[in-house]
Every structure is written in C-alpha cells, then in structure tokens.
C-alpha atoms as a PDB file:
ATOM      1  CA  UNK A   1      82.146 138.584 101.562  1.00  0.00           C
ATOM      2  CA  UNK A   2      82.771 139.941  98.073  1.00  0.00           C
ATOM      3  CA  UNK A   3      86.521 140.225  98.833  1.00  0.00           C
ATOM      4  CA  UNK A   4      86.689 136.587  99.931  1.00  0.00           C
ATOM      5  CA  UNK A   5      84.878 135.500  96.787  1.00  0.00           C
ATOM      6  CA  UNK A   6      87.296 137.478  94.598  1.00  0.00           C
ATOM      7  CA  UNK A   7      90.275 135.980  96.401  1.00  0.00           C
ATOM      8  CA  UNK A   8      88.907 132.471  95.880  1.00  0.00           C
ATOM      9  CA  UNK A   9      88.301 133.167  92.191  1.00  0.00           C
ATOM     10  CA  UNK A  10      91.797 134.664  91.790  1.00  0.00           C
ATOM     11  CA  UNK A  11      93.481 131.703  93.494  1.00  0.00           C
ATOM     12  CA  UNK A  12      91.413 129.311  91.398  1.00  0.00           C
ATOM     13  CA  UNK A  13      92.430 131.080  88.190  1.00  0.00           C
ATOM     14  CA  UNK A  14      96.084 131.002  89.203  1.00  0.00           C
ATOM     15  CA  UNK A  15      95.873 127.293  89.965  1.00  0.00           C
ATOM     16  CA  UNK A  16      94.178 126.542  86.648  1.00  0.00           C
ATOM     17  CA  UNK A  17      96.756 128.642  84.793  1.00  0.00           C
ATOM     18  CA  UNK A  18      99.652 126.925  86.562  1.00  0.00           C
ATOM     19  CA  UNK A  19      98.128 123.523  85.871  1.00  0.00           C
ATOM     20  CA  UNK A  20      97.652 124.380  82.213  1.00  0.00           C
ATOM     21  CA  UNK A  21     101.262 125.487  81.916  1.00  0.00           C
ATOM     22  CA  UNK A  22     102.481 122.281  83.569  1.00  0.00           C
ATOM     23  CA  UNK A  23     100.339 120.140  81.278  1.00  0.00           C
ATOM     24  CA  UNK A  24     101.822 121.915  78.250  1.00  0.00           C
ATOM     25  CA  UNK A  25     105.360 121.668  79.624  1.00  0.00           C
ATOM     26  CA  UNK A  26     105.016 117.945  80.407  1.00  0.00           C
ATOM     27  CA  UNK A  27     103.734 117.348  76.882  1.00  0.00           C
ATOM     28  CA  UNK A  28     106.567 119.339  75.280  1.00  0.00           C
ATOM     29  CA  UNK A  29     109.300 117.593  77.266  1.00  0.00           C
ATOM     30  CA  UNK A  30     107.834 114.204  76.457  1.00  0.00           C
ATOM     31  CA  UNK A  31     107.372 114.908  72.777  1.00  0.00           C
ATOM     32  CA  UNK A  32     110.600 116.684  71.869  1.00  0.00           C
ATOM     33  CA  UNK A  33     113.365 115.530  74.242  1.00  0.00           C
ATOM     34  CA  UNK A  34     116.098 113.520  72.519  1.00  0.00           C
ATOM     35  CA  UNK A  35     118.686 111.339  74.280  1.00  0.00           C
ATOM     36  CA  UNK A  36     122.390 112.120  74.127  1.00  0.00           C
ATOM     37  CA  UNK A  37     125.426 109.918  74.637  1.00  0.00           C
ATOM     38  CA  UNK A  38     125.949 109.140  78.334  1.00  0.00           C
ATOM     39  CA  UNK A  39     127.724 106.757  80.695  1.00  0.00           C
ATOM     40  CA  UNK A  40     124.665 104.673  81.541  1.00  0.00           C
ATOM     41  CA  UNK A  41     121.004 104.128  80.661  1.00  0.00           C
ATOM     42  CA  UNK A  42     118.661 104.227  83.651  1.00  0.00           C
ATOM     43  CA  UNK A  43     115.409 102.400  82.912  1.00  0.00           C
ATOM     44  CA  UNK A  44     112.673 103.330  85.379  1.00  0.00           C
ATOM     45  CA  UNK A  45     110.475 100.444  86.430  1.00  0.00           C
ATOM     46  CA  UNK A  46     106.756  99.992  85.813  1.00  0.00           C
ATOM     47  CA  UNK A  47     104.240  97.305  86.689  1.00  0.00           C
ATOM     48  CA  UNK A  48     104.951  93.615  86.354  1.00  0.00           C
ATOM     49  CA  UNK A  49     101.862  91.568  85.508  1.00  0.00           C
ATOM     50  CA  UNK A  50     101.320  87.842  86.262  1.00  0.00           C
ATOM     51  CA  UNK A  51     102.530  86.925  82.772  1.00  0.00           C
ATOM     52  CA  UNK A  52     105.518  89.266  82.839  1.00  0.00           C
ATOM     53  CA  UNK A  53     106.271  92.965  82.171  1.00  0.00           C
ATOM     54  CA  UNK A  54     103.237  95.153  81.569  1.00  0.00           C
ATOM     55  CA  UNK A  55     102.908  96.795  78.129  1.00  0.00           C
ATOM     56  CA  UNK A  56     104.277 100.036  79.584  1.00  0.00           C
ATOM     57  CA  UNK A  57     107.322  98.260  80.991  1.00  0.00           C
ATOM     58  CA  UNK A  58     107.841  96.319  77.769  1.00  0.00           C
ATOM     59  CA  UNK A  59     107.890  99.595  75.836  1.00  0.00           C
ATOM     60  CA  UNK A  60     110.560 101.005  78.180  1.00  0.00           C
ATOM     61  CA  UNK A  61     112.630  97.830  77.831  1.00  0.00           C
ATOM     62  CA  UNK A  62     112.539  97.897  74.037  1.00  0.00           C
ATOM     63  CA  UNK A  63     113.300 101.621  73.878  1.00  0.00           C
ATOM     64  CA  UNK A  64     116.317 101.225  76.158  1.00  0.00           C
ATOM     65  CA  UNK A  65     117.625  98.365  73.993  1.00  0.00           C
ATOM     66  CA  UNK A  66     117.267 100.556  70.909  1.00  0.00           C
ATOM     67  CA  UNK A  67     119.222 103.375  72.572  1.00  0.00           C
ATOM     68  CA  UNK A  68     121.961 100.926  73.526  1.00  0.00           C
ATOM     69  CA  UNK A  69     122.100  99.479  70.012  1.00  0.00           C
ATOM     70  CA  UNK A  70     122.437 103.005  68.619  1.00  0.00           C
ATOM     71  CA  UNK A  71     125.643 103.369  70.640  1.00  0.00           C
ATOM     72  CA  UNK A  72     124.440 106.051  73.047  1.00  0.00           C
ATOM     73  CA  UNK A  73     125.511 104.105  76.139  1.00  0.00           C
ATOM     74  CA  UNK A  74     127.207 100.818  77.027  1.00  0.00           C
ATOM     75  CA  UNK A  75     125.614 100.094  80.406  1.00  0.00           C
ATOM     76  CA  UNK A  76     122.164  99.822  81.986  1.00  0.00           C
ATOM     77  CA  UNK A  77     120.788 100.429  85.459  1.00  0.00           C
ATOM     78  CA  UNK A  78     117.422  98.693  85.791  1.00  0.00           C
ATOM     79  CA  UNK A  79     115.569 100.198  88.715  1.00  0.00           C
ATOM     80  CA  UNK A  80     112.390  98.981  90.375  1.00  0.00           C
ATOM     81  CA  UNK A  81     111.398  96.934  93.392  1.00  0.00           C
ATOM     82  CA  UNK A  82     108.699  94.360  94.036  1.00  0.00           C
ATOM     83  CA  UNK A  83     105.187  95.292  93.017  1.00  0.00           C
ATOM     84  CA  UNK A  84     101.993  93.258  93.234  1.00  0.00           C
ATOM     85  CA  UNK A  85     103.480  90.327  91.308  1.00  0.00           C
ATOM     86  CA  UNK A  86     107.008  88.903  91.288  1.00  0.00           C
ATOM     87  CA  UNK A  87     109.731  89.260  90.210  1.00  0.00           C
ATOM     88  CA  UNK A  88     111.011  92.741  90.950  1.00  0.00           C
ATOM     89  CA  UNK A  89     110.667  95.260  88.129  1.00  0.00           C
ATOM     90  CA  UNK A  90     114.466  95.283  87.787  1.00  0.00           C
ATOM     91  CA  UNK A  91     114.660  91.504  87.409  1.00  0.00           C
ATOM     92  CA  UNK A  92     111.800  91.442  84.901  1.00  0.00           C
ATOM     93  CA  UNK A  93     113.625  94.032  82.793  1.00  0.00           C
ATOM     94  CA  UNK A  94     116.867  92.071  83.008  1.00  0.00           C
ATOM     95  CA  UNK A  95     115.282  88.877  81.671  1.00  0.00           C
ATOM     96  CA  UNK A  96     113.608  90.731  78.812  1.00  0.00           C
ATOM     97  CA  UNK A  97     116.789  92.556  77.796  1.00  0.00           C
ATOM     98  CA  UNK A  98     118.775  89.312  77.798  1.00  0.00           C
ATOM     99  CA  UNK A  99     116.123  87.842  75.484  1.00  0.00           C
ATOM    100  CA  UNK A 100     116.668  90.854  73.230  1.00  0.00           C
ATOM    101  CA  UNK A 101     120.351  90.000  73.008  1.00  0.00           C
ATOM    102  CA  UNK A 102     121.788  92.401  75.577  1.00  0.00           C
ATOM    103  CA  UNK A 103     124.826  91.065  77.450  1.00  0.00           C
ATOM    104  CA  UNK A 104     124.006  90.282  81.086  1.00  0.00           C
ATOM    105  CA  UNK A 105     127.373  91.687  82.199  1.00  0.00           C
ATOM    106  CA  UNK A 106     126.326  95.261  81.352  1.00  0.00           C
ATOM    107  CA  UNK A 107     123.071  95.107  83.332  1.00  0.00           C
ATOM    108  CA  UNK A 108     123.133  96.550  86.856  1.00  0.00           C
ATOM    109  CA  UNK A 109     120.055  95.989  89.010  1.00  0.00           C
ATOM    110  CA  UNK A 110     118.498  98.231  91.649  1.00  0.00           C
ATOM    111  CA  UNK A 111     115.781  96.133  93.321  1.00  0.00           C
ATOM    112  CA  UNK A 112     114.406  98.353  96.104  1.00  0.00           C
ATOM    113  CA  UNK A 113     112.873 101.505  94.593  1.00  0.00           C
ATOM    114  CA  UNK A 114     109.121 102.012  94.936  1.00  0.00           C
ATOM    115  CA  UNK A 115     108.778 105.509  93.453  1.00  0.00           C
ATOM    116  CA  UNK A 116     110.495 107.880  91.031  1.00  0.00           C
ATOM    117  CA  UNK A 117     112.632 109.632  93.633  1.00  0.00           C
ATOM    118  CA  UNK A 118     113.950 106.308  94.917  1.00  0.00           C
ATOM    119  CA  UNK A 119     114.548 105.162  91.320  1.00  0.00           C
ATOM    120  CA  UNK A 120     116.842 108.141  90.745  1.00  0.00           C
ATOM    121  CA  UNK A 121     118.567 108.301  94.124  1.00  0.00           C
ATOM    122  CA  UNK A 122     119.278 104.561  94.408  1.00  0.00           C
ATOM    123  CA  UNK A 123     120.467 104.454  90.803  1.00  0.00           C
ATOM    124  CA  UNK A 124     122.878 107.270  91.607  1.00  0.00           C
ATOM    125  CA  UNK A 125     124.460 105.072  94.275  1.00  0.00           C
ATOM    126  CA  UNK A 126     125.234 102.474  91.609  1.00  0.00           C
ATOM    127  CA  UNK A 127     126.564 105.226  89.350  1.00  0.00           C
ATOM    128  CA  UNK A 128     128.886 106.421  92.096  1.00  0.00           C
ATOM    129  CA  UNK A 129     130.237 102.899  92.634  1.00  0.00           C
ATOM    130  CA  UNK A 130     131.077 102.666  88.934  1.00  0.00           C
ATOM    131  CA  UNK A 131     132.308 106.259  88.531  1.00  0.00           C
ATOM    132  CA  UNK A 132     129.577 107.111  86.039  1.00  0.00           C
ATOM    133  CA  UNK A 133     128.635 110.762  85.822  1.00  0.00           C
ATOM    134  CA  UNK A 134     125.961 111.044  83.126  1.00  0.00           C
ATOM    135  CA  UNK A 135     122.788 109.095  82.419  1.00  0.00           C
ATOM    136  CA  UNK A 136     119.955 108.652  79.946  1.00  0.00           C
ATOM    137  CA  UNK A 137     116.642 108.223  81.737  1.00  0.00           C
ATOM    138  CA  UNK A 138     114.129 105.992  79.958  1.00  0.00           C
ATOM    139  CA  UNK A 139     110.510 106.366  80.999  1.00  0.00           C
ATOM    140  CA  UNK A 140     107.090 107.199  79.589  1.00  0.00           C
ATOM    141  CA  UNK A 141     106.900 110.540  77.797  1.00  0.00           C
ATOM    142  CA  UNK A 142     104.456 112.061  80.298  1.00  0.00           C
ATOM    143  CA  UNK A 143     106.653 110.936  83.219  1.00  0.00           C
ATOM    144  CA  UNK A 144     109.916 112.322  81.865  1.00  0.00           C
ATOM    145  CA  UNK A 145     109.656 115.912  83.107  1.00  0.00           C
ATOM    146  CA  UNK A 146     109.291 114.851  86.744  1.00  0.00           C
ATOM    147  CA  UNK A 147     112.054 112.257  86.438  1.00  0.00           C
ATOM    148  CA  UNK A 148     114.461 114.840  84.997  1.00  0.00           C
ATOM    149  CA  UNK A 149     113.423 117.350  87.657  1.00  0.00           C
ATOM    150  CA  UNK A 150     114.316 114.898  90.430  1.00  0.00           C
ATOM    151  CA  UNK A 151     117.602 114.048  88.707  1.00  0.00           C
ATOM    152  CA  UNK A 152     118.532 117.740  88.477  1.00  0.00           C
ATOM    153  CA  UNK A 153     117.653 118.308  92.136  1.00  0.00           C
ATOM    154  CA  UNK A 154     120.052 115.490  93.036  1.00  0.00           C
ATOM    155  CA  UNK A 155     122.866 116.915  90.920  1.00  0.00           C
ATOM    156  CA  UNK A 156     122.666 114.260  88.219  1.00  0.00           C
ATOM    157  CA  UNK A 157     123.411 115.284  84.647  1.00  0.00           C
ATOM    158  CA  UNK A 158     120.681 113.339  82.874  1.00  0.00           C
ATOM    159  CA  UNK A 159     119.214 113.254  79.391  1.00  0.00           C
ATOM    160  CA  UNK A 160     115.748 112.014  78.625  1.00  0.00           C
ATOM    161  CA  UNK A 161     114.625 109.227  76.342  1.00  0.00           C
ATOM    162  CA  UNK A 162     110.822 109.413  76.276  1.00  0.00           C
ATOM    163  CA  UNK A 163     108.912 106.262  75.373  1.00  0.00           C
ATOM    164  CA  UNK A 164     106.258 107.211  72.846  1.00  0.00           C
ATOM    165  CA  UNK A 165     105.216 103.831  71.458  1.00  0.00           C
ATOM    166  CA  UNK A 166     103.500 102.759  74.681  1.00  0.00           C
ATOM    167  CA  UNK A 167      99.719 102.312  74.661  1.00  0.00           C
ATOM    168  CA  UNK A 168      99.656 104.822  77.517  1.00  0.00           C
ATOM    169  CA  UNK A 169     100.915 107.457  75.077  1.00  0.00           C
ATOM    170  CA  UNK A 170      99.410 106.379  71.777  1.00  0.00           C
ATOM    171  CA  UNK A 171      95.888 106.126  73.226  1.00  0.00           C
ATOM    172  CA  UNK A 172      94.640 109.726  73.487  1.00  0.00           C
ATOM    173  CA  UNK A 173      92.396 109.224  76.508  1.00  0.00           C
ATOM    174  CA  UNK A 174      95.122 107.381  78.430  1.00  0.00           C
ATOM    175  CA  UNK A 175      97.676 110.004  77.434  1.00  0.00           C
ATOM    176  CA  UNK A 176      95.391 112.756  78.766  1.00  0.00           C
ATOM    177  CA  UNK A 177      94.715 110.813  81.973  1.00  0.00           C
ATOM    178  CA  UNK A 178      98.356 110.126  82.767  1.00  0.00           C
ATOM    179  CA  UNK A 179      99.575 113.586  81.760  1.00  0.00           C
ATOM    180  CA  UNK A 180      96.955 115.086  84.076  1.00  0.00           C
ATOM    181  CA  UNK A 181      98.109 112.749  86.820  1.00  0.00           C
ATOM    182  CA  UNK A 182     101.655 114.036  86.333  1.00  0.00           C
ATOM    183  CA  UNK A 183     100.426 117.627  86.765  1.00  0.00           C
ATOM    184  CA  UNK A 184      99.115 116.591  90.184  1.00  0.00           C
ATOM    185  CA  UNK A 185     102.319 114.676  90.975  1.00  0.00           C
ATOM    186  CA  UNK A 186     104.475 117.693  90.128  1.00  0.00           C
ATOM    187  CA  UNK A 187     102.270 119.929  92.285  1.00  0.00           C
ATOM    188  CA  UNK A 188     102.676 117.488  95.170  1.00  0.00           C
ATOM    189  CA  UNK A 189     106.412 117.404  94.547  1.00  0.00           C
ATOM    190  CA  UNK A 190     106.739 121.186  94.812  1.00  0.00           C
ATOM    191  CA  UNK A 191     104.545 121.321  97.918  1.00  0.00           C
ATOM    192  CA  UNK A 192     106.519 118.561  99.626  1.00  0.00           C
ATOM    193  CA  UNK A 193     110.041 119.748  98.839  1.00  0.00           C
ATOM    194  CA  UNK A 194     109.803 123.509  98.394  1.00  0.00           C
ATOM    195  CA  UNK A 195     107.112 124.742 100.780  1.00  0.00           C
END
C-alpha cells in the first residue's frame, strides 16, 4: 500500500512539474517572440459576436495589419470557419481589414477550420497553391506556442506574432485562466499525437 501511495505521489509531482514548465514556456514564447519577414501572414480565427468580431479577434486583426504595414509580409491568409454567429471568422476578419485600408486582393480566406490544427493545415494548402514557403502566425500570446508546435509538426517554417494588447492578455486573471487552459491543450496534444 505504501508503494502505491509513493508511486501516486511521484506521478503527481512529475505532472505538476511538467505543467509548471509548460506554463512558463507558454508565457515566455508569448512574451518574447518577435515576427520576422515572411511570405504570408496567417491570422488565426477567434469568436465572432452578434455585433462583429470579438475583442480577441479584433486585437488579432489590428496586430496583423500593423505587421503588414511594417513591411514584414505582403499577403494574408485569414483562417476560421463558422462559429455561433455569422459570418465565418475569415469573412469577419476580411471586412475589418478592408476597413483598416488593406487591399482586398491580398486577402486569402480559409473558411472551414474549427480548431488550431485545421487552421494551420488548411492554410498550408493555400500556401502551396501560391508557392509560399514561410509564414507569420498571428494569435493570442498564450496560444502561440501550440500554434507554432503544430506548424513545425507539419513542416511549416513559421514565425510568431503574439497579440499582447488583447483583454485576454492584459487582464491578469484572464491571462492566467487561458494560459492554464493552454497547458491542458498541449498535454492533450501530446497524448493524442505522440502516445
């Protein structure tokens, strides 16, 4: 009985240690990653609300426009399917970017993705069609590590552009909540694809 108890305690300590490391790593990637010049900007979708893009999606839209205006990339892939409210996340991003002065001709839409893996893999199909090889991934800071991990697993050379002016990041309790959720998501990712 004592052996079983010690095993349980040891496994628990390992899990807590691994989780702590992942939390730290997610935070570091989100805080310190800087985008580099690439062929295309991939903007990962987020919720669309009845009145339009959610604050999180608006922050991603504005950050991607800034990156484009800085000359880091000339094209966009806007990826995200239909959520609870229309239009698709991709279409909502397109309309907002046009309002910000971005030329419609450089916006490529991926309207089917419902999760991060689909965002990356379906965006890569558009990249292949246009002979693009490198990408800047725009997403929330706490989401960036997992997005880059999936990109690397799919052989995509991607740079991160973490969004840090979102309420989900600037609010400490929300930042903790969503970073913790990413620890769980990364654990699920490893269990699903590596075990």
